[in-house]
Amino acid sequence: MSRRNRIFAGILIVYFAGIAFLLYRIVADLDPRYRESTEDSLIETAQVFASLIERDSTDGHIDTTTLADTLKGAYARTLNAQVFDFTKSRVELRVYVTDRNGRVLYDSTGRFVGRDFSEWRDVTLTLAGFYGARTTPDVAGDPRTAVMYVGAPIRSGDSVIGVVTVGKPTQSFVPFVEAARNKIVLVGVGSAVAVVVLAFIVSIWLVRPFGLVGDAARALSHGASVRRFVTQLRRTPFALREAWRDLRDTIAGKSYVENYVQTLTHELKSPLSAIQGAAELLEEPMPEDDRRRFVANIARETQRIRELADRMLELAVLEQRRRLDMVAPVDAVMLGEDVASTTTGADRGIDVRFVNETIGRRPVIAGDAFLLRRALANLIDNAVDFSPDGETVRVVLDANGPRIVYRIVDRGPGIPDFAGNKVFEKFFSLPRPGTQKKSSGLGLAFVREIAALHGGHVALANRVEGGAVATLTLPRA
């Protein structure tokens, strides 16, 4: 993955991770917030019931008659309250009243009258003059049956003579919590999808690939050939891919340029230092042989900088291209033969041999012949550089499948493990066997861009038999 792709992917990962964390916190916080809201309502209800009981109670005697009648009537009512997506059909409040000793005098469920509740927090704390509340499951060990209870003091003068406790099952608000969670997750996922779709739409807008389809359709309606229409349609996926690259470069552009400049500066330091050192030494008296050697060093390093600048300009121009300007049929066999015959390692006794393994009619590539020739030549040059003297570099053409494949096979040392994922990065280069010199590190990056422009790809891997194989895969015309 290229540096720009890593930056762009990193931004997306950070965005989605942030959205996921935010959603998790919101969803996890829903249940406590609903419990707090329910508890607040229970506090007010308990105080109302306590006031109702105090009105009927005399001489420290607790009278629950009015409360019992009120609740009996409430339970008997038929409800049809539509709360968002849920229908509430009955009153779910539970109420019990205890005396000053914690013994139950009244229970709306009828189950606990006469029981000693003095150990429950809602009763004990309220009788002591504090706020008392608890959450207890009806069935031990089953949190789904939990009921929230809130107590309020029943007073006679300045004395607390009892407690009225109001309870509400947590299951009554669970559907609301679940509905809210589902909606939040849906909104979160929807927003993430919307971001991706928006990015895709923006990227499409940057290159207008559907405009290409529209243009082709209009051309067909005005009498253009069907072949031209099909060609336009086939260009649309490439335009989409380039639109993605536009969007990626826009988001990651600043960091990419900074990294680019830093790497280029680093690559220029070595030849510039060599030139400066040689120039300083030439100012001193020295033998003529040494003088010629230092002059040759200056010329060699100057040529290295020139090659680096030329390659940088070529690569920069190529990266800005979003599609091929001139597409023409290219004979794949002739292309391989021409490049193999003109790329030579004769000075080291290396033979470059073209082998056509295609059966049947000659394969044709739709592309730019000049760029394809440059890509293939770069791969062969790279294979020659790493081949031992006197060896053979084979350029094999295999177009028997749905795509056209060139394989450049050498018998060099292969690719070190640490370099496997870096060989196509800009400025990365391995020392050549024998000389230990490095190239500009831009050749394979140049090949990758050309392959991408043609809708293909390039790969470099080690061979089991030894050496390496570079594979350039291209679509058929």
Protein backbone atom coordinates (compact mmCIF):
# COMPACT_ATOMS: atom_id res chain seq x y z
CA MET A 1 0.00 0.00 0.00
CA SER A 2 1.39 3.41 -0.96
CA ARG A 3 2.01 6.18 1.56
CA ARG A 4 -0.94 8.18 0.27
CA ASN A 5 -3.23 5.17 0.57
CA ARG A 6 -1.99 4.55 4.12
CA ILE A 7 -2.64 8.19 5.07
CA PHE A 8 -6.11 8.14 3.53
CA ALA A 9 -6.95 4.77 5.07
CA GLY A 10 -5.66 6.04 8.42
CA ILE A 11 -7.97 9.05 8.28
CA LEU A 12 -10.96 6.81 7.54
CA ILE A 13 -9.98 4.37 10.30
CA VAL A 14 -9.65 7.21 12.82
CA TYR A 15 -13.03 8.59 11.74
CA PHE A 16 -14.83 5.26 12.01
CA ALA A 17 -13.07 4.40 15.28
CA GLY A 18 -14.17 7.76 16.71
CA ILE A 19 -17.76 7.23 15.56
CA ALA A 20 -17.76 3.68 17.00
CA PHE A 21 -16.40 4.88 20.36
CA LEU A 22 -18.90 7.73 20.51
CA LEU A 23 -21.80 5.41 19.71
CA TYR A 24 -20.61 2.90 22.30
CA ARG A 25 -20.49 5.57 25.00
CA ILE A 26 -23.91 6.93 24.08
CA VAL A 27 -25.52 3.49 23.90
CA ALA A 28 -23.90 2.39 27.18
CA ASP A 29 -25.17 5.57 28.86
CA LEU A 30 -28.79 5.12 27.80
CA ASP A 31 -29.87 2.70 30.54
CA PRO A 32 -28.45 4.80 33.45
CA ARG A 33 -30.08 7.93 32.02
CA TYR A 34 -33.48 6.24 31.75
CA ARG A 35 -33.11 4.93 35.31
CA GLU A 36 -32.30 8.42 36.56
CA SER A 37 -35.33 9.84 34.79
CA THR A 38 -37.58 7.09 36.19
CA GLU A 39 -36.19 7.57 39.71
CA ASP A 40 -36.89 11.29 39.52
CA SER A 41 -40.53 10.59 38.65
CA LEU A 42 -40.81 8.01 41.44
CA ILE A 43 -39.51 10.52 44.00
CA GLU A 44 -42.24 12.99 43.10
CA THR A 45 -44.94 10.29 43.04
CA ALA A 46 -43.88 8.98 46.45
CA GLN A 47 -44.06 12.48 47.93
CA VAL A 48 -47.57 12.95 46.51
CA PHE A 49 -48.72 9.62 48.02
CA ALA A 50 -47.10 10.51 51.36
CA SER A 51 -49.03 13.80 51.45
CA LEU A 52 -52.24 11.92 50.61
CA ILE A 53 -51.74 9.49 53.50
CA GLU A 54 -50.75 12.27 55.94
CA ARG A 55 -54.01 14.08 55.18
CA ASP A 56 -56.06 11.05 56.26
CA SER A 57 -53.86 9.98 59.20
CA THR A 58 -54.64 11.22 62.78
CA ASP A 59 -52.96 10.82 66.18
CA GLY A 60 -50.00 8.94 64.64
CA HIS A 61 -52.27 6.31 63.10
CA ILE A 62 -51.63 5.63 59.39
CA ASP A 63 -54.79 5.42 57.26
CA THR A 64 -54.28 3.94 53.75
CA THR A 65 -57.93 3.77 52.75
CA THR A 66 -57.86 6.65 50.29
CA LEU A 67 -54.59 5.48 48.80
CA ALA A 68 -55.91 1.94 48.39
CA ASP A 69 -59.11 3.13 46.74
CA THR A 70 -57.18 5.45 44.44
CA LEU A 71 -54.79 2.73 43.29
CA LYS A 72 -57.58 0.19 42.89
CA GLY A 73 -59.37 2.56 40.56
CA ALA A 74 -56.15 3.31 38.67
CA TYR A 75 -55.42 -0.39 38.16
CA ALA A 76 -58.97 -0.93 36.88
CA ARG A 77 -58.64 1.76 34.20
CA THR A 78 -58.16 0.77 30.59
CA LEU A 79 -55.26 2.63 28.95
CA ASN A 80 -54.48 3.05 25.29
CA ALA A 81 -51.58 5.50 25.42
CA GLN A 82 -49.38 5.49 22.32
CA VAL A 83 -45.85 6.45 23.38
CA PHE A 84 -43.80 6.67 20.18
CA ASP A 85 -43.80 3.06 18.87
CA PHE A 86 -45.19 1.51 22.08
CA THR A 87 -48.69 1.24 23.50
CA LYS A 88 -49.11 1.50 27.26
CA SER A 89 -52.19 -0.44 28.42
CA ARG A 90 -51.99 -0.54 32.25
CA VAL A 91 -50.63 1.17 35.35
CA GLU A 92 -47.43 -0.54 36.48
CA LEU A 93 -46.71 1.36 39.70
CA ARG A 94 -46.27 -0.70 42.87
CA VAL A 95 -46.93 0.89 46.25
CA TYR A 96 -46.55 -0.35 49.78
CA VAL A 97 -46.80 1.43 53.15
CA THR A 98 -44.89 0.47 56.29
CA ASP A 99 -45.25 1.69 59.88
CA ARG A 100 -42.52 3.17 62.07
CA ASN A 101 -41.19 -0.36 62.74
CA GLY A 102 -40.94 -1.30 59.08
CA ARG A 103 -43.94 -3.66 59.04
CA VAL A 104 -46.04 -3.58 55.85
CA LEU A 105 -49.51 -2.12 56.41
CA TYR A 106 -50.57 -1.96 52.79
CA ASP A 107 -49.26 -3.50 49.58
CA SER A 108 -50.80 -2.78 46.17
CA THR A 109 -49.87 -6.27 44.99
CA GLY A 110 -51.38 -7.90 48.09
CA ARG A 111 -48.35 -10.14 48.63
CA PHE A 112 -46.42 -8.54 51.46
CA VAL A 113 -48.96 -7.27 54.03
CA GLY A 114 -47.68 -7.99 57.51
CA ARG A 115 -44.11 -8.65 56.39
CA ASP A 116 -41.13 -6.98 58.09
CA PHE A 117 -39.39 -4.68 55.58
CA SER A 118 -37.22 -2.91 58.11
CA GLU A 119 -34.09 -4.31 56.48
CA TRP A 120 -34.78 -2.79 53.07
CA ARG A 121 -32.83 0.39 52.31
CA ASP A 122 -35.83 2.38 51.16
CA VAL A 123 -37.53 1.80 54.51
CA THR A 124 -34.55 1.95 56.87
CA LEU A 125 -33.00 5.12 55.42
CA THR A 126 -36.31 6.95 55.08
CA LEU A 127 -37.28 6.20 58.70
CA ALA A 128 -33.85 7.54 59.73
CA GLY A 129 -34.52 10.82 57.92
CA PHE A 130 -32.44 10.11 54.80
CA TYR A 131 -33.27 9.47 51.15
CA GLY A 132 -34.06 5.78 50.74
CA ALA A 133 -34.13 3.85 47.48
CA ARG A 134 -33.25 0.42 46.12
CA THR A 135 -33.44 -1.76 43.03
CA THR A 136 -34.30 -5.40 43.72
CA PRO A 137 -35.24 -8.24 41.35
CA ASP A 138 -38.49 -10.08 41.94
CA VAL A 139 -36.68 -13.29 41.01
CA ALA A 140 -33.29 -13.62 42.66
CA GLY A 141 -30.47 -13.63 40.11
CA ASP A 142 -32.64 -12.42 37.23
CA PRO A 143 -31.91 -8.74 36.51
CA ARG A 144 -34.74 -8.65 33.97
CA THR A 145 -37.24 -8.74 36.88
CA ALA A 146 -35.65 -5.78 38.70
CA VAL A 147 -37.93 -3.18 40.31
CA MET A 148 -36.86 0.33 41.30
CA TYR A 149 -38.21 1.45 44.70
CA VAL A 150 -38.19 4.97 46.19
CA GLY A 151 -39.42 5.77 49.71
CA ALA A 152 -40.98 8.95 51.13
CA PRO A 153 -41.59 9.63 54.85
CA ILE A 154 -45.11 9.77 56.33
CA ARG A 155 -45.04 12.41 59.05
CA SER A 156 -47.19 13.30 61.98
CA GLY A 157 -46.02 16.63 63.24
CA ASP A 158 -42.24 16.42 63.44
CA SER A 159 -42.12 12.64 63.73
CA VAL A 160 -41.78 10.04 60.98
CA ILE A 161 -44.50 7.49 61.60
CA GLY A 162 -44.08 5.42 58.48
CA VAL A 163 -42.88 5.13 54.88
CA VAL A 164 -44.69 4.96 51.56
CA THR A 165 -42.61 3.27 48.87
CA VAL A 166 -43.36 3.54 45.16
CA GLY A 167 -41.87 0.98 42.79
CA LYS A 168 -41.68 0.56 39.05
CA PRO A 169 -40.35 -2.50 37.10
CA THR A 170 -37.34 -1.67 34.95
CA GLN A 171 -38.91 -3.75 32.18
CA SER A 172 -41.40 -0.92 31.71
CA PHE A 173 -38.74 1.30 30.14
CA VAL A 174 -36.54 -1.40 28.57
CA PRO A 175 -38.41 -1.18 25.22
CA PHE A 176 -37.65 2.55 25.12
CA VAL A 177 -33.96 1.90 25.86
CA GLU A 178 -33.74 -0.77 23.17
CA ALA A 179 -35.54 1.41 20.64
CA ALA A 180 -33.23 4.32 21.40
CA ARG A 181 -30.17 2.07 21.09
CA ASN A 182 -31.32 0.71 17.76
CA LYS A 183 -32.00 4.19 16.43
CA ILE A 184 -28.63 5.50 17.59
CA VAL A 185 -26.78 2.56 16.04
CA LEU A 186 -28.81 2.99 12.86
CA VAL A 187 -27.99 6.70 12.76
CA GLY A 188 -24.30 5.96 13.41
CA VAL A 189 -24.07 3.32 10.72
CA GLY A 190 -26.09 5.53 8.39
CA SER A 191 -23.76 8.47 8.97
CA ALA A 192 -20.71 6.30 8.31
CA VAL A 193 -22.26 4.98 5.10
CA ALA A 194 -23.27 8.53 4.18
CA VAL A 195 -19.66 9.69 4.58
CA VAL A 196 -18.44 6.92 2.30
CA VAL A 197 -21.18 7.59 -0.25
CA LEU A 198 -20.53 11.34 -0.10
CA ALA A 199 -16.83 10.74 -0.60
CA PHE A 200 -17.65 8.51 -3.55
CA ILE A 201 -20.02 11.09 -5.04
CA VAL A 202 -17.47 13.87 -4.60
CA SER A 203 -14.80 11.70 -6.18
CA ILE A 204 -17.10 10.99 -9.11
CA TRP A 205 -17.79 14.71 -9.43
CA LEU A 206 -14.07 15.42 -9.56
CA VAL A 207 -13.63 13.39 -12.75
CA ARG A 208 -17.21 13.10 -14.04
CA PRO A 209 -17.06 9.44 -15.12
CA PHE A 210 -20.80 9.34 -15.59
CA GLY A 211 -20.29 12.35 -17.81
CA LEU A 212 -18.18 10.06 -19.96
CA VAL A 213 -21.11 7.67 -20.23
CA GLY A 214 -23.45 10.55 -21.01
CA ASP A 215 -21.09 11.88 -23.66
CA ALA A 216 -20.82 8.44 -25.21
CA ALA A 217 -24.60 8.00 -25.24
CA ARG A 218 -25.08 11.39 -26.88
CA ALA A 219 -22.40 10.55 -29.44
CA LEU A 220 -24.17 7.26 -30.22
CA SER A 221 -27.48 9.06 -30.69
CA HIS A 222 -25.79 11.34 -33.23
CA GLY A 223 -24.49 8.47 -35.30
CA ALA A 224 -21.17 7.62 -33.68
CA SER A 225 -19.95 4.04 -33.97
CA VAL A 226 -20.88 1.40 -31.41
CA ARG A 227 -17.18 0.67 -30.86
CA ARG A 228 -16.59 4.24 -29.74
CA PHE A 229 -19.56 3.96 -27.34
CA VAL A 230 -18.19 0.72 -25.86
CA THR A 231 -14.75 2.31 -25.50
CA GLN A 232 -16.27 5.18 -23.54
CA LEU A 233 -18.10 2.77 -21.25
CA ARG A 234 -14.95 0.78 -20.64
CA ARG A 235 -13.19 3.95 -19.55
CA THR A 236 -15.72 4.58 -16.78
CA PRO A 237 -14.27 2.11 -14.18
CA PHE A 238 -10.82 3.64 -14.75
CA ALA A 239 -12.27 7.11 -14.22
CA LEU A 240 -13.88 5.95 -10.98
CA ARG A 241 -10.54 4.61 -9.81
CA GLU A 242 -8.82 7.87 -10.67
CA ALA A 243 -11.60 9.80 -8.93
CA TRP A 244 -10.83 7.82 -5.81
CA ARG A 245 -7.18 8.77 -6.18
CA ASP A 246 -8.17 12.42 -6.56
CA LEU A 247 -10.16 12.31 -3.36
CA ARG A 248 -7.40 10.43 -1.55
CA ASP A 249 -4.78 12.92 -2.69
CA THR A 250 -6.98 15.85 -1.68
CA ILE A 251 -7.37 14.53 1.87
CA ALA A 252 -3.82 13.27 2.29
CA GLY A 253 -2.14 15.82 0.02
CA LYS A 254 -0.36 17.98 2.59
CA SER A 255 1.23 15.08 4.44
CA TYR A 256 2.07 13.40 1.15
CA VAL A 257 3.88 16.46 -0.21
CA GLU A 258 5.79 16.91 3.05
CA ASN A 259 6.94 13.28 2.98
CA TYR A 260 7.78 13.57 -0.70
CA VAL A 261 9.97 16.64 -0.17
CA GLN A 262 11.69 15.14 2.87
CA THR A 263 12.55 11.95 1.00
CA LEU A 264 13.76 13.83 -2.08
CA THR A 265 15.95 16.07 0.07
CA HIS A 266 17.45 13.01 1.73
CA GLU A 267 18.21 11.43 -1.66
CA LEU A 268 19.94 14.59 -2.92
CA LYS A 269 22.21 14.95 0.11
CA SER A 270 24.50 12.07 -0.81
CA PRO A 271 25.45 13.17 -4.38
CA LEU A 272 25.65 16.82 -3.33
CA SER A 273 28.02 15.92 -0.49
CA ALA A 274 30.16 13.89 -2.89
CA ILE A 275 30.30 16.81 -5.37
CA GLN A 276 31.14 19.29 -2.64
CA GLY A 277 33.92 17.06 -1.25
CA ALA A 278 35.44 16.48 -4.69
CA ALA A 279 35.28 20.22 -5.52
CA GLU A 280 37.05 21.13 -2.26
CA LEU A 281 39.80 18.58 -2.91
CA LEU A 282 40.30 19.86 -6.46
CA GLU A 283 41.24 23.25 -5.03
CA GLU A 284 44.39 21.64 -3.57
CA PRO A 285 47.47 20.55 -5.56
CA MET A 286 47.31 16.84 -6.43
CA PRO A 287 48.54 14.32 -8.99
CA GLU A 288 46.83 14.41 -12.38
CA ASP A 289 45.39 10.89 -11.94
CA ASP A 290 43.68 11.91 -8.70
CA ARG A 291 42.39 15.08 -10.33
CA ARG A 292 40.82 13.10 -13.19
CA ARG A 293 39.28 10.70 -10.67
CA PHE A 294 37.64 13.52 -8.68
CA VAL A 295 36.42 15.21 -11.86
CA ALA A 296 34.89 11.89 -12.89
CA ASN A 297 33.22 11.67 -9.47
CA ILE A 298 31.70 15.12 -9.97
CA ALA A 299 30.45 14.17 -13.43
CA ARG A 300 29.00 10.87 -12.18
CA GLU A 301 27.18 12.44 -9.20
CA THR A 302 25.93 15.30 -11.38
CA GLN A 303 24.52 12.75 -13.82
CA ARG A 304 22.90 10.96 -10.87
CA ILE A 305 21.16 14.16 -9.78
CA ARG A 306 20.06 14.85 -13.36
CA GLU A 307 18.62 11.35 -13.69
CA LEU A 308 16.85 11.73 -10.35
CA ALA A 309 15.35 15.07 -11.42
CA ASP A 310 14.29 13.70 -14.80
CA ARG A 311 12.66 10.66 -13.22
CA MET A 312 10.94 12.84 -10.64
CA LEU A 313 9.49 15.07 -13.35
CA GLU A 314 8.34 12.08 -15.39
CA LEU A 315 6.75 10.44 -12.36
CA ALA A 316 5.09 13.68 -11.23
CA VAL A 317 3.57 14.18 -14.69
CA LEU A 318 2.44 10.56 -14.77
CA GLU A 319 0.81 10.76 -11.33
CA GLN A 320 -1.21 13.79 -12.43
CA ARG A 321 -2.66 11.92 -15.37
CA ARG A 322 -6.06 10.48 -14.57
CA ARG A 323 -6.55 8.69 -17.86
CA LEU A 324 -4.71 7.84 -21.04
CA ASP A 325 -4.93 10.64 -23.58
CA MET A 326 -4.12 8.47 -26.59
CA VAL A 327 -5.38 4.89 -26.59
CA ALA A 328 -4.47 2.68 -29.51
CA PRO A 329 -4.19 -1.06 -30.18
CA VAL A 330 -0.73 -2.34 -29.22
CA ASP A 331 0.50 -5.71 -30.42
CA ALA A 332 1.64 -7.46 -27.23
CA VAL A 333 4.05 -9.80 -29.04
CA MET A 334 5.69 -7.03 -31.04
CA LEU A 335 5.98 -4.89 -27.92
CA GLY A 336 7.78 -7.65 -26.03
CA GLU A 337 10.10 -8.46 -28.92
CA ASP A 338 11.04 -4.80 -29.50
CA VAL A 339 11.78 -4.02 -25.86
CA ALA A 340 13.70 -7.27 -25.29
CA SER A 341 15.84 -6.68 -28.38
CA THR A 342 16.72 -3.08 -27.49
CA THR A 343 17.34 -3.70 -23.77
CA THR A 344 20.71 -5.32 -23.41
CA GLY A 345 23.26 -6.41 -20.88
CA ALA A 346 25.86 -7.32 -23.46
CA ASP A 347 28.64 -5.53 -21.56
CA ARG A 348 28.22 -8.16 -18.84
CA GLY A 349 27.41 -11.05 -21.13
CA ILE A 350 23.73 -11.07 -20.13
CA ASP A 351 21.31 -12.31 -22.78
CA VAL A 352 17.75 -10.86 -22.83
CA ARG A 353 15.47 -13.41 -24.48
CA PHE A 354 11.78 -12.99 -25.41
CA VAL A 355 9.51 -16.05 -25.18
CA ASN A 356 5.94 -16.04 -26.46
CA GLU A 357 3.87 -18.73 -24.73
CA THR A 358 0.56 -17.51 -26.18
CA ILE A 359 -1.41 -20.01 -28.20
CA GLY A 360 -3.72 -18.71 -30.92
CA ARG A 361 -4.22 -15.21 -32.27
CA ARG A 362 -1.85 -12.42 -31.32
CA PRO A 363 -2.99 -10.55 -28.19
CA VAL A 364 -3.65 -6.82 -28.35
CA ILE A 365 -3.48 -4.22 -25.56
CA ALA A 366 -5.50 -0.99 -25.64
CA GLY A 367 -3.10 1.62 -24.35
CA ASP A 368 -0.19 4.00 -24.88
CA ALA A 369 2.60 2.16 -26.69
CA PHE A 370 5.28 4.60 -25.48
CA LEU A 371 4.37 4.20 -21.80
CA LEU A 372 4.01 0.43 -22.08
CA ARG A 373 7.45 0.24 -23.69
CA ARG A 374 8.91 2.33 -20.85
CA ALA A 375 7.30 0.12 -18.21
CA LEU A 376 8.53 -3.11 -19.77
CA ALA A 377 12.02 -1.65 -20.31
CA ASN A 378 12.24 -0.60 -16.67
CA LEU A 379 11.39 -4.11 -15.49
CA ILE A 380 13.95 -5.67 -17.85
CA ASP A 381 16.64 -3.16 -16.84
CA ASN A 382 15.96 -3.98 -13.21
CA ALA A 383 16.30 -7.72 -13.91
CA VAL A 384 19.56 -7.15 -15.82
CA ASP A 385 21.00 -5.07 -12.96
CA PHE A 386 20.45 -7.90 -10.47
CA SER A 387 21.50 -10.78 -12.74
CA PRO A 388 24.94 -12.36 -12.45
CA ASP A 389 27.30 -11.89 -15.42
CA GLY A 390 26.70 -14.30 -18.29
CA GLU A 391 23.16 -15.21 -17.25
CA THR A 392 19.89 -14.99 -19.20
CA VAL A 393 16.90 -12.75 -18.51
CA ARG A 394 13.70 -14.17 -19.96
CA VAL A 395 10.75 -11.98 -20.98
CA VAL A 396 7.78 -14.37 -21.14
CA LEU A 397 4.45 -13.36 -22.68
CA ASP A 398 1.41 -15.38 -21.55
CA ALA A 399 -1.92 -14.25 -22.98
CA ASN A 400 -3.76 -17.57 -22.78
CA GLY A 401 -6.06 -16.33 -20.01
CA PRO A 402 -8.43 -13.36 -19.80
CA ARG A 403 -5.53 -10.91 -19.33
CA ILE A 404 -2.14 -10.31 -20.90
CA VAL A 405 0.79 -11.12 -18.61
CA TYR A 406 4.48 -10.33 -19.05
CA ARG A 407 6.88 -12.15 -16.74
CA ILE A 408 10.47 -10.95 -16.52
CA VAL A 409 12.51 -13.75 -14.96
CA ASP A 410 16.07 -13.39 -13.65
CA ARG A 411 18.51 -15.54 -11.69
CA GLY A 412 19.74 -12.88 -9.32
CA PRO A 413 19.82 -12.94 -5.51
CA GLY A 414 16.09 -12.32 -5.19
CA ILE A 415 14.31 -9.88 -2.90
CA PRO A 416 15.28 -9.71 0.80
CA ASP A 417 12.43 -10.30 3.23
CA PHE A 418 12.58 -6.76 4.60
CA ALA A 419 12.17 -5.28 1.10
CA GLY A 420 9.14 -7.28 0.00
CA ASN A 421 6.60 -4.53 0.72
CA LYS A 422 8.85 -1.61 -0.20
CA VAL A 423 10.12 -2.29 -3.71
CA PHE A 424 7.44 -0.11 -5.34
CA GLU A 425 7.86 2.81 -2.94
CA LYS A 426 9.48 5.96 -4.28
CA PHE A 427 13.22 6.27 -3.63
CA PHE A 428 13.54 2.74 -2.27
CA SER A 429 16.37 0.90 -3.94
CA LEU A 430 18.51 -2.14 -3.21
CA PRO A 431 22.26 -2.20 -3.86
CA ARG A 432 23.20 -3.90 -7.12
CA PRO A 433 25.29 -7.08 -6.78
CA GLY A 434 28.95 -6.42 -7.49
CA THR A 435 28.92 -2.61 -7.56
CA GLN A 436 26.70 -2.14 -4.47
CA LYS A 437 25.35 1.02 -6.13
CA LYS A 438 21.70 1.99 -5.88
CA SER A 439 19.36 3.41 -8.50
CA SER A 440 17.12 6.46 -8.09
CA GLY A 441 14.45 4.21 -6.60
CA LEU A 442 11.82 5.61 -8.97
CA GLY A 443 11.81 3.01 -11.76
CA LEU A 444 9.40 0.53 -10.20
CA ALA A 445 7.15 3.34 -8.91
CA PHE A 446 7.05 4.57 -12.52
CA VAL A 447 6.02 1.10 -13.72
CA ARG A 448 3.29 0.88 -11.10
CA GLU A 449 1.76 4.18 -12.25
CA ILE A 450 1.82 3.10 -15.90
CA ALA A 451 0.19 -0.24 -15.03
CA ALA A 452 -2.53 1.53 -13.04
CA LEU A 453 -3.23 3.93 -15.93
CA HIS A 454 -3.84 0.92 -18.15
CA GLY A 455 -6.09 -0.82 -15.62
CA GLY A 456 -3.44 -3.40 -14.77
CA HIS A 457 -0.98 -4.07 -12.00
CA VAL A 458 2.64 -5.03 -11.41
CA ALA A 459 4.17 -7.39 -8.84
CA LEU A 460 7.66 -8.54 -7.89
CA ALA A 461 8.34 -11.81 -6.08
CA ASN A 462 11.01 -14.42 -5.47
CA ARG A 463 11.13 -17.66 -7.42
CA VAL A 464 11.40 -21.05 -5.76
CA GLU A 465 14.21 -21.93 -8.19
CA GLY A 466 16.10 -18.79 -7.23
CA GLY A 467 16.06 -15.25 -8.56
CA ALA A 468 13.03 -13.04 -8.95
CA VAL A 469 10.10 -12.63 -11.31
CA ALA A 470 8.42 -9.32 -12.15
CA THR A 471 4.84 -9.70 -13.40
CA LEU A 472 3.12 -6.99 -15.45
CA THR A 473 -0.57 -7.78 -15.94
CA LEU A 474 -2.64 -5.79 -18.45
CA PRO A 475 -6.22 -6.03 -19.78
CA ARG A 476 -6.92 -7.15 -23.30
CA ALA A 477 -8.19 -4.67 -25.89
